[in-house]
Amino acid sequence: MKKKKKSVVPTYVVGLVWLSYSLSGRLTSLSGLLGCGALSLLAFLIAKIFFPDKTMTEEEIAAEEQAEKEKQEKAAQKKKEEAEQKAKKQAQKPAAPRTQTQELLDQGAEYVARIKELNEEIPDYKLSAQIRQIEILTQKIFDYVKMHPEKAKGIKQFMNYYLPTTIKLLEQYVVLQNQGLRMGNIDEGMKKIEDMLDKVIVAFQKQLDSLFESDVVDITADIRVMEQMMASQGLTGKDTF
């Protein structure tokens, strides 16, 4: 038994005609719509002549559909294999080496997180407020270095000694605090750490302030140049003779 298999080419041709009219903006008027309809009909009839419907047996239609299905499956498999190969190459690609500044910032983030953890273990309100201030100052220092990587050398001592030593003192405070008694050596150790935190805050404030030193120098120089230019052009509001 034979069946007709319609050609899809005439339909595609009609679609192209409408797409062309749409992109050109000619469908906004009645004349454009009528013209597009007439041209579509003409294109459809011409395409039918060159690409007529096929009369095929059921076996031929099934075979053609199977061939098309296998073609699509092969294309999908090829696309999948290409994607897997690309992913494999990317996985094998060595990670870009971290810069010294990035390593410093990563370590700094760990320090900030540790300070926050220790603060949560200390119930004393006053001490907790001091530790919170230390955390904020530390974060501001690393934020500045992130924006100005060239300043990383300026916090070397802060990074290698002051910050880890401060964290060590806080850890020791937690150990003493957890004994549940303030007496003798325990009380003395806790008091020394409590007194030290005020000095730590001052030191961290100075560390942050020192990072802005060159910025202030640049600001001062810019202001001096601007003042001189304004004065030379009589824009300062002062009479010149």
Protein backbone atom coordinates (compact mmCIF):
# COMPACT_ATOMS: atom_id res chain seq x y z
CA MET A 1 0.00 0.00 0.00
CA LYS A 2 1.35 3.35 -1.07
CA LYS A 3 1.03 6.65 0.74
CA LYS A 4 1.88 10.23 -0.06
CA LYS A 5 4.59 11.88 1.94
CA LYS A 6 4.21 15.62 1.88
CA SER A 7 7.26 17.75 1.18
CA VAL A 8 8.09 20.23 3.93
CA VAL A 9 10.03 22.54 1.58
CA PRO A 10 6.99 24.59 0.43
CA THR A 11 6.03 25.24 4.04
CA TYR A 12 9.58 26.41 4.84
CA VAL A 13 9.51 28.72 1.79
CA VAL A 14 6.26 30.32 2.99
CA GLY A 15 7.79 30.76 6.43
CA LEU A 16 10.81 32.52 4.93
CA VAL A 17 8.55 34.91 3.01
CA TRP A 18 6.67 35.91 6.17
CA LEU A 19 9.92 36.20 8.12
CA SER A 20 11.38 38.48 5.45
CA TYR A 21 8.33 40.75 5.51
CA SER A 22 8.32 40.80 9.31
CA LEU A 23 12.00 41.78 9.56
CA SER A 24 11.57 44.51 6.97
CA GLY A 25 8.59 45.97 8.85
CA ARG A 26 6.20 45.61 5.90
CA LEU A 27 3.55 43.71 7.89
CA THR A 28 2.38 46.84 9.67
CA SER A 29 0.08 47.87 6.82
CA LEU A 30 -2.83 46.17 5.05
CA SER A 31 -1.07 46.38 1.70
CA GLY A 32 1.95 44.70 3.23
CA LEU A 33 -0.15 41.85 4.61
CA LEU A 34 -1.92 41.35 1.26
CA GLY A 35 1.37 41.45 -0.62
CA CYS A 36 2.94 38.97 1.77
CA GLY A 37 -0.06 36.64 1.41
CA ALA A 38 0.03 36.77 -2.38
CA LEU A 39 3.78 36.20 -2.50
CA SER A 40 3.48 33.32 -0.03
CA LEU A 41 0.88 31.60 -2.21
CA LEU A 42 2.98 32.04 -5.32
CA ALA A 43 6.12 30.78 -3.53
CA PHE A 44 4.17 27.78 -2.21
CA LEU A 45 2.92 26.80 -5.67
CA ILE A 46 6.37 27.16 -7.24
CA ALA A 47 7.98 25.13 -4.45
CA LYS A 48 5.35 22.44 -4.97
CA ILE A 49 6.46 22.12 -8.59
CA PHE A 50 10.13 21.66 -7.72
CA PHE A 51 9.56 19.74 -4.49
CA PRO A 52 6.39 17.68 -5.03
CA ASP A 53 4.93 15.20 -2.57
CA LYS A 54 6.39 11.71 -2.80
CA THR A 55 4.37 8.57 -3.29
CA MET A 56 6.03 5.93 -1.18
CA THR A 57 5.20 2.55 0.27
CA GLU A 58 4.80 2.16 4.02
CA GLU A 59 8.11 0.27 4.10
CA GLU A 60 9.90 3.12 2.30
CA ILE A 61 8.38 5.71 4.64
CA ALA A 62 9.37 3.66 7.70
CA ALA A 63 12.88 3.19 6.35
CA GLU A 64 13.27 6.92 5.68
CA GLU A 65 11.97 7.81 9.13
CA GLN A 66 14.34 5.28 10.69
CA ALA A 67 17.26 6.73 8.73
CA GLU A 68 16.35 10.25 9.89
CA LYS A 69 16.05 9.04 13.47
CA GLU A 70 19.47 7.38 13.33
CA LYS A 71 20.93 10.55 11.82
CA GLN A 72 19.57 12.63 14.70
CA GLU A 73 20.81 10.12 17.27
CA LYS A 74 24.31 10.17 15.74
CA ALA A 75 24.32 13.97 15.78
CA ALA A 76 23.21 14.00 19.43
CA GLN A 77 25.83 11.39 20.35
CA LYS A 78 28.56 13.36 18.59
CA LYS A 79 27.52 16.53 20.40
CA LYS A 80 27.56 14.68 23.72
CA GLU A 81 31.04 13.24 23.06
CA GLU A 82 32.38 16.68 22.10
CA ALA A 83 30.96 18.14 25.33
CA GLU A 84 32.52 15.33 27.38
CA GLN A 85 35.90 15.82 25.70
CA LYS A 86 35.74 19.56 26.33
CA ALA A 87 34.86 19.00 29.99
CA LYS A 88 37.69 16.46 30.30
CA LYS A 89 40.23 18.89 28.83
CA GLN A 90 39.07 21.64 31.19
CA ALA A 91 39.36 19.26 34.14
CA GLN A 92 42.88 18.31 33.12
CA LYS A 93 43.90 21.95 32.69
CA PRO A 94 46.04 22.95 35.68
CA ALA A 95 44.54 25.59 37.91
CA ALA A 96 46.05 29.03 37.66
CA PRO A 97 48.64 29.53 40.41
CA ARG A 98 47.46 31.74 43.25
CA THR A 99 49.33 34.97 43.73
CA GLN A 100 51.00 35.78 47.02
CA THR A 101 48.44 38.51 47.61
CA GLN A 102 45.57 36.06 47.08
CA GLU A 103 47.16 33.60 49.49
CA LEU A 104 47.49 36.41 52.03
CA LEU A 105 43.84 37.39 51.60
CA ASP A 106 42.70 33.78 51.93
CA GLN A 107 44.69 33.42 55.14
CA GLY A 108 43.28 36.73 56.33
CA ALA A 109 39.73 35.49 55.76
CA GLU A 110 40.52 32.46 57.92
CA TYR A 111 41.87 34.70 60.67
CA VAL A 112 38.76 36.90 60.60
CA ALA A 113 36.52 33.83 60.78
CA ARG A 114 38.53 32.49 63.73
CA ILE A 115 38.24 35.79 65.62
CA LYS A 116 34.48 35.70 65.10
CA GLU A 117 34.29 32.09 66.35
CA LEU A 118 36.24 32.92 69.50
CA ASN A 119 34.07 35.96 70.17
CA GLU A 120 30.98 33.75 70.12
CA GLU A 121 32.55 31.64 72.89
CA ILE A 122 33.09 34.65 75.17
CA PRO A 123 29.96 35.86 77.00
CA ASP A 124 31.55 38.91 78.65
CA TYR A 125 29.84 41.93 77.06
CA LYS A 126 32.75 44.38 77.30
CA LEU A 127 35.32 41.88 76.08
CA SER A 128 33.04 40.78 73.26
CA ALA A 129 32.69 44.39 72.10
CA GLN A 130 36.49 44.75 72.04
CA ILE A 131 36.91 41.56 70.03
CA ARG A 132 34.23 42.72 67.60
CA GLN A 133 36.20 45.93 67.09
CA ILE A 134 39.35 43.90 66.42
CA GLU A 135 37.43 41.80 63.89
CA ILE A 136 36.16 44.91 62.08
CA LEU A 137 39.62 46.52 61.96
CA THR A 138 41.17 43.30 60.69
CA GLN A 139 38.56 42.98 57.94
CA LYS A 140 39.08 46.62 56.90
CA ILE A 141 42.84 46.03 56.63
CA PHE A 142 42.39 43.06 54.32
CA ASP A 143 39.69 44.86 52.31
CA TYR A 144 42.14 47.70 51.68
CA VAL A 145 44.91 45.31 50.62
CA LYS A 146 42.45 43.60 48.27
CA MET A 147 41.79 46.95 46.57
CA HIS A 148 45.50 47.89 46.69
CA PRO A 149 47.59 44.68 46.28
CA GLU A 150 50.77 46.74 46.21
CA LYS A 151 50.24 47.47 49.93
CA ALA A 152 50.46 43.77 50.88
CA LYS A 153 54.09 44.19 51.98
CA GLY A 154 52.99 46.85 54.46
CA ILE A 155 51.12 44.33 56.62
CA LYS A 156 53.80 41.64 56.74
CA GLN A 157 54.50 42.07 60.47
CA PHE A 158 50.80 42.41 61.18
CA MET A 159 50.10 39.19 59.29
CA ASN A 160 53.00 37.11 60.58
CA TYR A 161 53.00 38.14 64.23
CA TYR A 162 50.43 40.57 65.62
CA LEU A 163 47.32 38.92 64.20
CA PRO A 164 48.18 35.26 64.96
CA THR A 165 49.43 36.23 68.43
CA THR A 166 46.17 38.07 69.13
CA ILE A 167 44.20 34.98 68.11
CA LYS A 168 46.42 32.83 70.33
CA LEU A 169 45.70 35.11 73.31
CA LEU A 170 41.96 34.87 72.66
CA GLU A 171 42.19 31.09 72.47
CA GLN A 172 44.03 31.04 75.79
CA TYR A 173 41.36 33.31 77.28
CA VAL A 174 38.63 30.88 76.24
CA VAL A 175 40.53 28.02 77.90
CA LEU A 176 40.91 29.97 81.16
CA GLN A 177 37.32 31.19 81.05
CA ASN A 178 36.00 27.65 80.65
CA GLN A 179 37.54 26.65 83.98
CA GLY A 180 34.56 28.37 85.59
CA LEU A 181 36.63 30.05 88.36
CA ARG A 182 38.48 33.35 88.51
CA MET A 183 41.15 32.77 91.12
CA GLY A 184 44.90 32.87 91.41
CA ASN A 185 46.75 32.28 88.14
CA ILE A 186 43.52 31.87 86.15
CA ASP A 187 42.28 35.30 87.15
CA GLU A 188 45.68 36.86 86.58
CA GLY A 189 45.96 35.39 83.07
CA MET A 190 42.46 36.51 82.08
CA LYS A 191 43.05 40.03 83.42
CA LYS A 192 46.32 40.38 81.50
CA ILE A 193 44.60 39.39 78.26
CA GLU A 194 41.70 41.78 78.94
CA ASP A 195 44.13 44.66 79.54
CA MET A 196 46.07 43.74 76.39
CA LEU A 197 43.06 43.99 74.09
CA ASP A 198 42.89 47.80 74.41
CA LYS A 199 46.51 47.98 73.22
CA VAL A 200 45.73 45.55 70.38
CA ILE A 201 42.87 47.77 69.19
CA VAL A 202 45.15 50.83 69.14
CA ALA A 203 47.83 48.89 67.25
CA PHE A 204 45.34 47.63 64.65
CA GLN A 205 43.95 51.14 64.21
CA LYS A 206 47.46 52.45 63.54
CA GLN A 207 48.10 49.60 61.11
CA LEU A 208 44.99 50.53 59.14
CA ASP A 209 45.85 54.23 59.27
CA SER A 210 49.37 53.59 57.99
CA LEU A 211 47.97 52.01 54.82
CA PHE A 212 46.39 55.35 53.92
CA GLU A 213 49.62 57.31 54.33
CA SER A 214 50.54 57.37 50.64
CA ASP A 215 46.92 58.18 49.72
CA VAL A 216 47.01 61.25 51.94
CA VAL A 217 50.32 62.31 50.37
CA ASP A 218 48.73 62.03 46.92
CA ILE A 219 45.66 63.97 48.06
CA THR A 220 47.85 66.72 49.51
CA ALA A 221 49.84 66.97 46.27
CA ASP A 222 46.67 67.12 44.16
CA ILE A 223 45.20 69.84 46.35
CA ARG A 224 48.42 71.89 46.23
CA VAL A 225 48.56 71.72 42.42
CA MET A 226 44.88 72.59 42.13
CA GLU A 227 45.25 75.57 44.48
CA GLN A 228 48.20 76.86 42.48
CA MET A 229 46.30 76.58 39.20
CA MET A 230 43.25 78.28 40.64
CA ALA A 231 45.39 81.10 42.04
CA SER A 232 47.21 81.58 38.74
CA GLN A 233 43.88 81.96 36.92
CA GLY A 234 42.35 84.25 39.55
CA LEU A 235 39.75 81.69 40.64
CA THR A 236 40.50 81.71 44.36
CA GLY A 237 38.35 84.75 45.14
CA LYS A 238 41.36 86.79 46.25
CA ASP A 239 42.52 89.93 44.51
CA THR A 240 45.85 89.57 42.78
CA PHE A 241 48.16 92.47 42.07
